[in-house]
Amino acid sequence: MQTPLHVIDVTCVEGLLDIIALGNIIEFTYVLDLRSYEDIELEEEERLEIEAAMSRYRLFVRWFSKKFGLLMDGKWINPTYLFKRRLASFGASVCAYFTDEHPTTQRQSRLAGISPLRVKKMFRQHIQKNWTDLIPIFDHLLTEPSAFLYHTGPTIRIVRKTDLDLLAANVVGKTEDIDFARVPIFLPAPVTPTTTQITAAPAAQKRSHIPTGSPASPSSKKVTKRKK
């Protein structure tokens, strides 16, 4: 049987990137909604629908990361890296786009009062609440945003985590990295020096370590059933 056209094939790179693009929009539903800036409260049914979609996407991220792995430039990478990288990059690119277009959009009365600073704040608040470990990379990407809303990085190969496929990909026994050294997502958080540090003699600083444990679930919320 042929796969229906409306079903995204996540076992191929193009399909995976498509579902990530959709997931990014789902993740930032509130931030991209004009009503969020006009302090208009959503109907409960619509709010529950949005939260259910966000939870479903996060469940998909965990499911895919358990069933598949990624080969990027020969490196064996956990798929959570790609999901997180695209999420942070998408948010920063939208903020940059709105900043560039603001001189035009502010002349439209319906968008009055929505500043680039407020848009950045909304994106950052969502990431801080749901994907806390991405705050450093998001802040960094705000200073160097991508001009694209899609993946422009290294080539990707999806490998199903079965004994045969892992053997064929020559990754049996290899540990999945949760970051990609060439384009990392885990950056050290900025440190504000204390008075003691400023006045004390310079000392050798310890190198920041990239987290090595499995990434935590992006959300602890359970899926809320819609009212009938």
C-alpha atoms as a PDB file:
ATOM      1  CA  MET A   1       0.000   0.000   0.000  1.00  0.00           C
ATOM      2  CA  GLN A   2       1.198   3.475  -0.819  1.00  0.00           C
ATOM      3  CA  THR A   3       1.573   5.949   2.023  1.00  0.00           C
ATOM      4  CA  PRO A   4      -1.177   8.617   1.840  1.00  0.00           C
ATOM      5  CA  LEU A   5       0.131  11.936   0.568  1.00  0.00           C
ATOM      6  CA  HIS A   6      -0.842  13.803   3.733  1.00  0.00           C
ATOM      7  CA  VAL A   7       1.188  11.482   5.976  1.00  0.00           C
ATOM      8  CA  ILE A   8       4.727  12.734   6.571  1.00  0.00           C
ATOM      9  CA  ASP A   9       7.408  10.053   6.255  1.00  0.00           C
ATOM     10  CA  VAL A  10       9.686  10.781   9.212  1.00  0.00           C
ATOM     11  CA  THR A  11      12.088   7.992   8.247  1.00  0.00           C
ATOM     12  CA  CYS A  12      13.502  10.223   5.507  1.00  0.00           C
ATOM     13  CA  VAL A  13      15.356  13.485   6.141  1.00  0.00           C
ATOM     14  CA  GLU A  14      12.926  15.640   4.167  1.00  0.00           C
ATOM     15  CA  GLY A  15       9.962  14.271   6.108  1.00  0.00           C
ATOM     16  CA  LEU A  16      11.717  14.674   9.451  1.00  0.00           C
ATOM     17  CA  LEU A  17      12.547  18.311   8.711  1.00  0.00           C
ATOM     18  CA  ASP A  18       8.933  18.880   7.635  1.00  0.00           C
ATOM     19  CA  ILE A  19       7.575  17.551  10.924  1.00  0.00           C
ATOM     20  CA  ILE A  20      10.108  19.641  12.863  1.00  0.00           C
ATOM     21  CA  ALA A  21       9.005  22.764  10.979  1.00  0.00           C
ATOM     22  CA  LEU A  22       5.402  21.991  11.889  1.00  0.00           C
ATOM     23  CA  GLY A  23       6.408  21.235  15.462  1.00  0.00           C
ATOM     24  CA  ASN A  24       8.155  24.591  15.805  1.00  0.00           C
ATOM     25  CA  ILE A  25       4.960  26.391  14.842  1.00  0.00           C
ATOM     26  CA  ILE A  26       3.008  24.250  17.309  1.00  0.00           C
ATOM     27  CA  GLU A  27       5.542  24.991  20.055  1.00  0.00           C
ATOM     28  CA  PHE A  28       5.292  28.752  19.514  1.00  0.00           C
ATOM     29  CA  THR A  29       1.531  28.862  18.949  1.00  0.00           C
ATOM     30  CA  TYR A  30       0.913  31.366  21.728  1.00  0.00           C
ATOM     31  CA  VAL A  31       3.904  33.506  20.770  1.00  0.00           C
ATOM     32  CA  LEU A  32       2.820  33.692  17.123  1.00  0.00           C
ATOM     33  CA  ASP A  33      -0.803  34.492  18.001  1.00  0.00           C
ATOM     34  CA  LEU A  34      -1.687  38.191  17.810  1.00  0.00           C
ATOM     35  CA  ARG A  35      -4.157  37.744  20.660  1.00  0.00           C
ATOM     36  CA  SER A  36      -1.283  37.020  23.048  1.00  0.00           C
ATOM     37  CA  TYR A  37      -0.116  40.608  22.569  1.00  0.00           C
ATOM     38  CA  GLU A  38      -3.589  42.055  22.938  1.00  0.00           C
ATOM     39  CA  ASP A  39      -4.216  40.276  26.246  1.00  0.00           C
ATOM     40  CA  ILE A  40      -7.183  38.418  24.779  1.00  0.00           C
ATOM     41  CA  GLU A  41      -7.920  35.236  26.719  1.00  0.00           C
ATOM     42  CA  LEU A  42      -8.513  32.159  24.596  1.00  0.00           C
ATOM     43  CA  GLU A  43     -11.564  29.965  24.935  1.00  0.00           C
ATOM     44  CA  GLU A  44     -10.849  26.944  27.126  1.00  0.00           C
ATOM     45  CA  GLU A  45     -11.487  24.469  24.312  1.00  0.00           C
ATOM     46  CA  GLU A  46      -8.999  26.198  22.024  1.00  0.00           C
ATOM     47  CA  ARG A  47      -6.413  26.446  24.795  1.00  0.00           C
ATOM     48  CA  LEU A  48      -6.748  22.742  25.576  1.00  0.00           C
ATOM     49  CA  GLU A  49      -6.412  21.922  21.888  1.00  0.00           C
ATOM     50  CA  ILE A  50      -3.161  23.908  21.675  1.00  0.00           C
ATOM     51  CA  GLU A  51      -1.733  22.280  24.805  1.00  0.00           C
ATOM     52  CA  ALA A  52      -2.677  18.832  23.529  1.00  0.00           C
ATOM     53  CA  ALA A  53      -0.895  19.495  20.218  1.00  0.00           C
ATOM     54  CA  MET A  54       2.230  20.687  22.053  1.00  0.00           C
ATOM     55  CA  SER A  55       2.234  17.603  24.273  1.00  0.00           C
ATOM     56  CA  ARG A  56       1.757  15.296  21.269  1.00  0.00           C
ATOM     57  CA  TYR A  57       4.714  16.892  19.490  1.00  0.00           C
ATOM     58  CA  ARG A  58       6.932  16.478  22.559  1.00  0.00           C
ATOM     59  CA  LEU A  59       5.880  12.841  22.796  1.00  0.00           C
ATOM     60  CA  PHE A  60       6.889  12.452  19.154  1.00  0.00           C
ATOM     61  CA  VAL A  61      10.319  13.963  19.899  1.00  0.00           C
ATOM     62  CA  ARG A  62      10.896  11.380  22.636  1.00  0.00           C
ATOM     63  CA  TRP A  63       9.537   8.517  20.509  1.00  0.00           C
ATOM     64  CA  PHE A  64      11.686   9.398  17.486  1.00  0.00           C
ATOM     65  CA  SER A  65      14.805   9.856  19.611  1.00  0.00           C
ATOM     66  CA  LYS A  66      14.264   6.389  21.106  1.00  0.00           C
ATOM     67  CA  LYS A  67      13.681   4.632  17.782  1.00  0.00           C
ATOM     68  CA  PHE A  68      16.161   6.457  15.529  1.00  0.00           C
ATOM     69  CA  GLY A  69      19.611   8.020  15.590  1.00  0.00           C
ATOM     70  CA  LEU A  70      21.341  10.532  13.320  1.00  0.00           C
ATOM     71  CA  LEU A  71      24.655  10.412  11.515  1.00  0.00           C
ATOM     72  CA  MET A  72      25.928  13.952  10.973  1.00  0.00           C
ATOM     73  CA  ASP A  73      29.331  14.288   9.343  1.00  0.00           C
ATOM     74  CA  GLY A  74      30.054  10.772  10.538  1.00  0.00           C
ATOM     75  CA  LYS A  75      29.144  11.611  14.143  1.00  0.00           C
ATOM     76  CA  TRP A  76      26.523   9.503  15.961  1.00  0.00           C
ATOM     77  CA  ILE A  77      24.071  12.083  17.331  1.00  0.00           C
ATOM     78  CA  ASN A  78      20.885  11.771  19.393  1.00  0.00           C
ATOM     79  CA  PRO A  79      17.963  13.278  17.418  1.00  0.00           C
ATOM     80  CA  THR A  80      17.056  15.593  20.315  1.00  0.00           C
ATOM     81  CA  TYR A  81      19.987  17.718  19.131  1.00  0.00           C
ATOM     82  CA  LEU A  82      18.297  18.438  15.805  1.00  0.00           C
ATOM     83  CA  PHE A  83      14.885  19.122  17.357  1.00  0.00           C
ATOM     84  CA  LYS A  84      16.381  21.565  19.847  1.00  0.00           C
ATOM     85  CA  ARG A  85      18.683  23.267  17.370  1.00  0.00           C
ATOM     86  CA  ARG A  86      15.863  23.891  14.933  1.00  0.00           C
ATOM     87  CA  LEU A  87      13.572  25.174  17.714  1.00  0.00           C
ATOM     88  CA  ALA A  88      16.076  27.742  18.993  1.00  0.00           C
ATOM     89  CA  SER A  89      17.080  28.773  15.471  1.00  0.00           C
ATOM     90  CA  PHE A  90      13.450  29.138  14.351  1.00  0.00           C
ATOM     91  CA  GLY A  91      12.659  31.427  17.286  1.00  0.00           C
ATOM     92  CA  ALA A  92      15.712  33.622  16.707  1.00  0.00           C
ATOM     93  CA  SER A  93      15.029  33.891  12.961  1.00  0.00           C
ATOM     94  CA  VAL A  94      11.412  34.949  13.520  1.00  0.00           C
ATOM     95  CA  CYS A  95      12.562  37.599  16.010  1.00  0.00           C
ATOM     96  CA  ALA A  96      15.103  38.915  13.484  1.00  0.00           C
ATOM     97  CA  TYR A  97      12.502  38.960  10.705  1.00  0.00           C
ATOM     98  CA  PHE A  98      10.004  40.877  12.851  1.00  0.00           C
ATOM     99  CA  THR A  99      12.703  43.371  13.825  1.00  0.00           C
ATOM    100  CA  ASP A 100      13.530  44.003  10.159  1.00  0.00           C
ATOM    101  CA  GLU A 101       9.871  44.350   9.173  1.00  0.00           C
ATOM    102  CA  HIS A 102       8.773  46.362  12.211  1.00  0.00           C
ATOM    103  CA  PRO A 103       9.094  49.795  10.544  1.00  0.00           C
ATOM    104  CA  THR A 104       6.460  48.627   8.059  1.00  0.00           C
ATOM    105  CA  THR A 105       4.180  46.627  10.335  1.00  0.00           C
ATOM    106  CA  GLN A 106       3.991  49.303  13.023  1.00  0.00           C
ATOM    107  CA  ARG A 107       2.127  51.509  10.579  1.00  0.00           C
ATOM    108  CA  GLN A 108      -0.709  48.997  10.603  1.00  0.00           C
ATOM    109  CA  SER A 109      -3.035  49.943  13.450  1.00  0.00           C
ATOM    110  CA  ARG A 110      -3.765  46.293  14.264  1.00  0.00           C
ATOM    111  CA  LEU A 111      -0.125  45.732  15.184  1.00  0.00           C
ATOM    112  CA  ALA A 112       0.297  48.896  17.212  1.00  0.00           C
ATOM    113  CA  GLY A 113       2.197  48.381  20.448  1.00  0.00           C
ATOM    114  CA  ILE A 114       3.925  45.147  19.420  1.00  0.00           C
ATOM    115  CA  SER A 115       7.633  45.921  19.508  1.00  0.00           C
ATOM    116  CA  PRO A 116      10.596  43.723  18.536  1.00  0.00           C
ATOM    117  CA  LEU A 117      11.633  43.740  22.191  1.00  0.00           C
ATOM    118  CA  ARG A 118       8.260  42.383  23.272  1.00  0.00           C
ATOM    119  CA  VAL A 119       8.329  39.664  20.622  1.00  0.00           C
ATOM    120  CA  LYS A 120      11.796  38.562  21.758  1.00  0.00           C
ATOM    121  CA  LYS A 121      10.594  38.571  25.345  1.00  0.00           C
ATOM    122  CA  MET A 122       7.632  36.324  24.470  1.00  0.00           C
ATOM    123  CA  PHE A 123       9.838  33.818  22.634  1.00  0.00           C
ATOM    124  CA  ARG A 124      12.364  33.800  25.456  1.00  0.00           C
ATOM    125  CA  GLN A 125       9.684  33.280  28.107  1.00  0.00           C
ATOM    126  CA  HIS A 126       8.334  30.246  26.261  1.00  0.00           C
ATOM    127  CA  ILE A 127      11.810  28.727  25.919  1.00  0.00           C
ATOM    128  CA  GLN A 128      12.645  29.529  29.533  1.00  0.00           C
ATOM    129  CA  LYS A 129       9.488  27.763  30.707  1.00  0.00           C
ATOM    130  CA  ASN A 130       9.573  24.702  28.445  1.00  0.00           C
ATOM    131  CA  TRP A 131      13.129  24.257  27.107  1.00  0.00           C
ATOM    132  CA  THR A 132      15.290  25.867  29.791  1.00  0.00           C
ATOM    133  CA  ASP A 133      18.572  24.387  28.574  1.00  0.00           C
ATOM    134  CA  LEU A 134      18.156  26.240  25.259  1.00  0.00           C
ATOM    135  CA  ILE A 135      18.247  29.748  26.749  1.00  0.00           C
ATOM    136  CA  PRO A 136      22.032  30.261  26.211  1.00  0.00           C
ATOM    137  CA  ILE A 137      21.915  29.141  22.559  1.00  0.00           C
ATOM    138  CA  PHE A 138      18.733  31.141  21.909  1.00  0.00           C
ATOM    139  CA  ASP A 139      20.323  34.305  23.318  1.00  0.00           C
ATOM    140  CA  HIS A 140      23.407  33.632  21.201  1.00  0.00           C
ATOM    141  CA  LEU A 141      21.384  33.076  18.028  1.00  0.00           C
ATOM    142  CA  LEU A 142      19.542  36.356  18.610  1.00  0.00           C
ATOM    143  CA  THR A 143      22.868  38.055  17.886  1.00  0.00           C
ATOM    144  CA  GLU A 144      23.590  35.836  14.865  1.00  0.00           C
ATOM    145  CA  PRO A 145      20.198  34.680  13.537  1.00  0.00           C
ATOM    146  CA  SER A 146      19.911  32.466  10.498  1.00  0.00           C
ATOM    147  CA  ALA A 147      18.252  33.990   7.457  1.00  0.00           C
ATOM    148  CA  PHE A 148      16.408  30.712   6.910  1.00  0.00           C
ATOM    149  CA  LEU A 149      13.635  28.892   8.754  1.00  0.00           C
ATOM    150  CA  TYR A 150      14.906  25.475   7.662  1.00  0.00           C
ATOM    151  CA  HIS A 151      17.973  23.307   8.216  1.00  0.00           C
ATOM    152  CA  THR A 152      21.084  24.507   6.383  1.00  0.00           C
ATOM    153  CA  GLY A 153      23.630  22.543   8.399  1.00  0.00           C
ATOM    154  CA  PRO A 154      25.536  19.337   7.673  1.00  0.00           C
ATOM    155  CA  THR A 155      24.048  16.393   5.835  1.00  0.00           C
ATOM    156  CA  ILE A 156      21.921  14.050   7.904  1.00  0.00           C
ATOM    157  CA  ARG A 157      21.386  10.321   7.713  1.00  0.00           C
ATOM    158  CA  ILE A 158      18.615   8.700   9.739  1.00  0.00           C
ATOM    159  CA  VAL A 159      19.408   5.274  11.198  1.00  0.00           C
ATOM    160  CA  ARG A 160      16.760   3.052  12.739  1.00  0.00           C
ATOM    161  CA  LYS A 161      17.930   1.579  16.044  1.00  0.00           C
ATOM    162  CA  THR A 162      17.694  -2.072  15.133  1.00  0.00           C
ATOM    163  CA  ASP A 163      20.616  -4.480  15.406  1.00  0.00           C
ATOM    164  CA  LEU A 164      20.877  -4.853  11.639  1.00  0.00           C
ATOM    165  CA  ASP A 165      20.664  -1.122  10.850  1.00  0.00           C
ATOM    166  CA  LEU A 166      23.110  -0.168  13.595  1.00  0.00           C
ATOM    167  CA  LEU A 167      25.563  -2.771  12.298  1.00  0.00           C
ATOM    168  CA  ALA A 168      25.193  -1.512   8.725  1.00  0.00           C
ATOM    169  CA  ALA A 169      25.829   2.067   9.874  1.00  0.00           C
ATOM    170  CA  ASN A 170      28.895   0.931  11.870  1.00  0.00           C
ATOM    171  CA  VAL A 171      27.657   2.530  15.098  1.00  0.00           C
ATOM    172  CA  VAL A 172      27.195  -0.582  17.237  1.00  0.00           C
ATOM    173  CA  GLY A 173      28.462   0.140  20.729  1.00  0.00           C
ATOM    174  CA  LYS A 174      28.947   3.846  20.062  1.00  0.00           C
ATOM    175  CA  THR A 175      27.499   6.356  22.499  1.00  0.00           C
ATOM    176  CA  GLU A 176      25.056   8.857  21.067  1.00  0.00           C
ATOM    177  CA  ASP A 177      26.247  12.419  21.553  1.00  0.00           C
ATOM    178  CA  ILE A 178      23.563  14.878  22.643  1.00  0.00           C
ATOM    179  CA  ASP A 179      25.440  17.761  21.047  1.00  0.00           C
ATOM    180  CA  PHE A 180      27.245  18.369  17.775  1.00  0.00           C
ATOM    181  CA  ALA A 181      30.651  19.940  18.382  1.00  0.00           C
ATOM    182  CA  ARG A 182      30.758  21.819  15.074  1.00  0.00           C
ATOM    183  CA  VAL A 183      27.460  23.600  15.743  1.00  0.00           C
ATOM    184  CA  PRO A 184      26.778  23.120  19.479  1.00  0.00           C
ATOM    185  CA  ILE A 185      23.530  23.906  21.258  1.00  0.00           C
ATOM    186  CA  PHE A 186      24.783  23.606  24.820  1.00  0.00           C
ATOM    187  CA  LEU A 187      26.602  26.830  25.569  1.00  0.00           C
ATOM    188  CA  PRO A 188      27.817  27.941  28.987  1.00  0.00           C
ATOM    189  CA  ALA A 189      25.434  30.381  30.622  1.00  0.00           C
ATOM    190  CA  PRO A 190      26.870  33.894  31.034  1.00  0.00           C
ATOM    191  CA  VAL A 191      28.340  34.435  34.481  1.00  0.00           C
ATOM    192  CA  THR A 192      28.042  37.784  36.239  1.00  0.00           C
ATOM    193  CA  PRO A 193      31.272  38.408  38.192  1.00  0.00           C
ATOM    194  CA  THR A 194      30.877  39.044  41.908  1.00  0.00           C
ATOM    195  CA  THR A 195      32.675  41.808  43.782  1.00  0.00           C
ATOM    196  CA  THR A 196      35.124  39.252  45.157  1.00  0.00           C
ATOM    197  CA  GLN A 197      35.889  37.937  41.673  1.00  0.00           C
ATOM    198  CA  ILE A 198      36.482  41.456  40.362  1.00  0.00           C
ATOM    199  CA  THR A 199      38.888  42.467  43.139  1.00  0.00           C
ATOM    200  CA  ALA A 200      40.655  39.139  43.523  1.00  0.00           C
ATOM    201  CA  ALA A 201      43.750  38.264  41.571  1.00  0.00           C
ATOM    202  CA  PRO A 202      43.024  36.420  38.292  1.00  0.00           C
ATOM    203  CA  ALA A 203      42.877  32.686  38.755  1.00  0.00           C
ATOM    204  CA  ALA A 204      42.709  29.789  36.350  1.00  0.00           C
ATOM    205  CA  GLN A 205      39.102  29.310  35.312  1.00  0.00           C
ATOM    206  CA  LYS A 206      37.573  25.890  35.090  1.00  0.00           C
ATOM    207  CA  ARG A 207      36.276  24.914  31.698  1.00  0.00           C
ATOM    208  CA  SER A 208      32.527  24.652  31.364  1.00  0.00           C
ATOM    209  CA  HIS A 209      31.300  21.158  30.719  1.00  0.00           C
ATOM    210  CA  ILE A 210      28.640  20.254  28.214  1.00  0.00           C
ATOM    211  CA  PRO A 211      25.915  18.121  29.840  1.00  0.00           C
ATOM    212  CA  THR A 212      26.446  14.442  29.097  1.00  0.00           C
ATOM    213  CA  GLY A 213      23.246  12.980  30.497  1.00  0.00           C
ATOM    214  CA  SER A 214      20.141  12.276  28.479  1.00  0.00           C
ATOM    215  CA  PRO A 215      18.144  15.443  27.750  1.00  0.00           C
ATOM    216  CA  ALA A 216      15.206  15.878  30.057  1.00  0.00           C
ATOM    217  CA  SER A 217      11.672  15.817  28.806  1.00  0.00           C
ATOM    218  CA  PRO A 218      10.737  19.284  27.475  1.00  0.00           C
ATOM    219  CA  SER A 219       7.432  19.176  29.275  1.00  0.00           C
ATOM    220  CA  SER A 220       6.060  17.430  32.332  1.00  0.00           C
ATOM    221  CA  LYS A 221       2.488  18.221  31.375  1.00  0.00           C
ATOM    222  CA  LYS A 222       0.162  15.379  30.639  1.00  0.00           C
ATOM    223  CA  VAL A 223      -2.052  15.500  27.601  1.00  0.00           C
ATOM    224  CA  THR A 224      -5.376  17.098  28.527  1.00  0.00           C
ATOM    225  CA  LYS A 225      -8.406  15.494  26.998  1.00  0.00           C
ATOM    226  CA  ARG A 226     -10.832  17.736  25.169  1.00  0.00           C
ATOM    227  CA  LYS A 227     -14.254  18.200  26.602  1.00  0.00           C
ATOM    228  CA  LYS A 228     -16.939  16.426  24.690  1.00  0.00           C
END
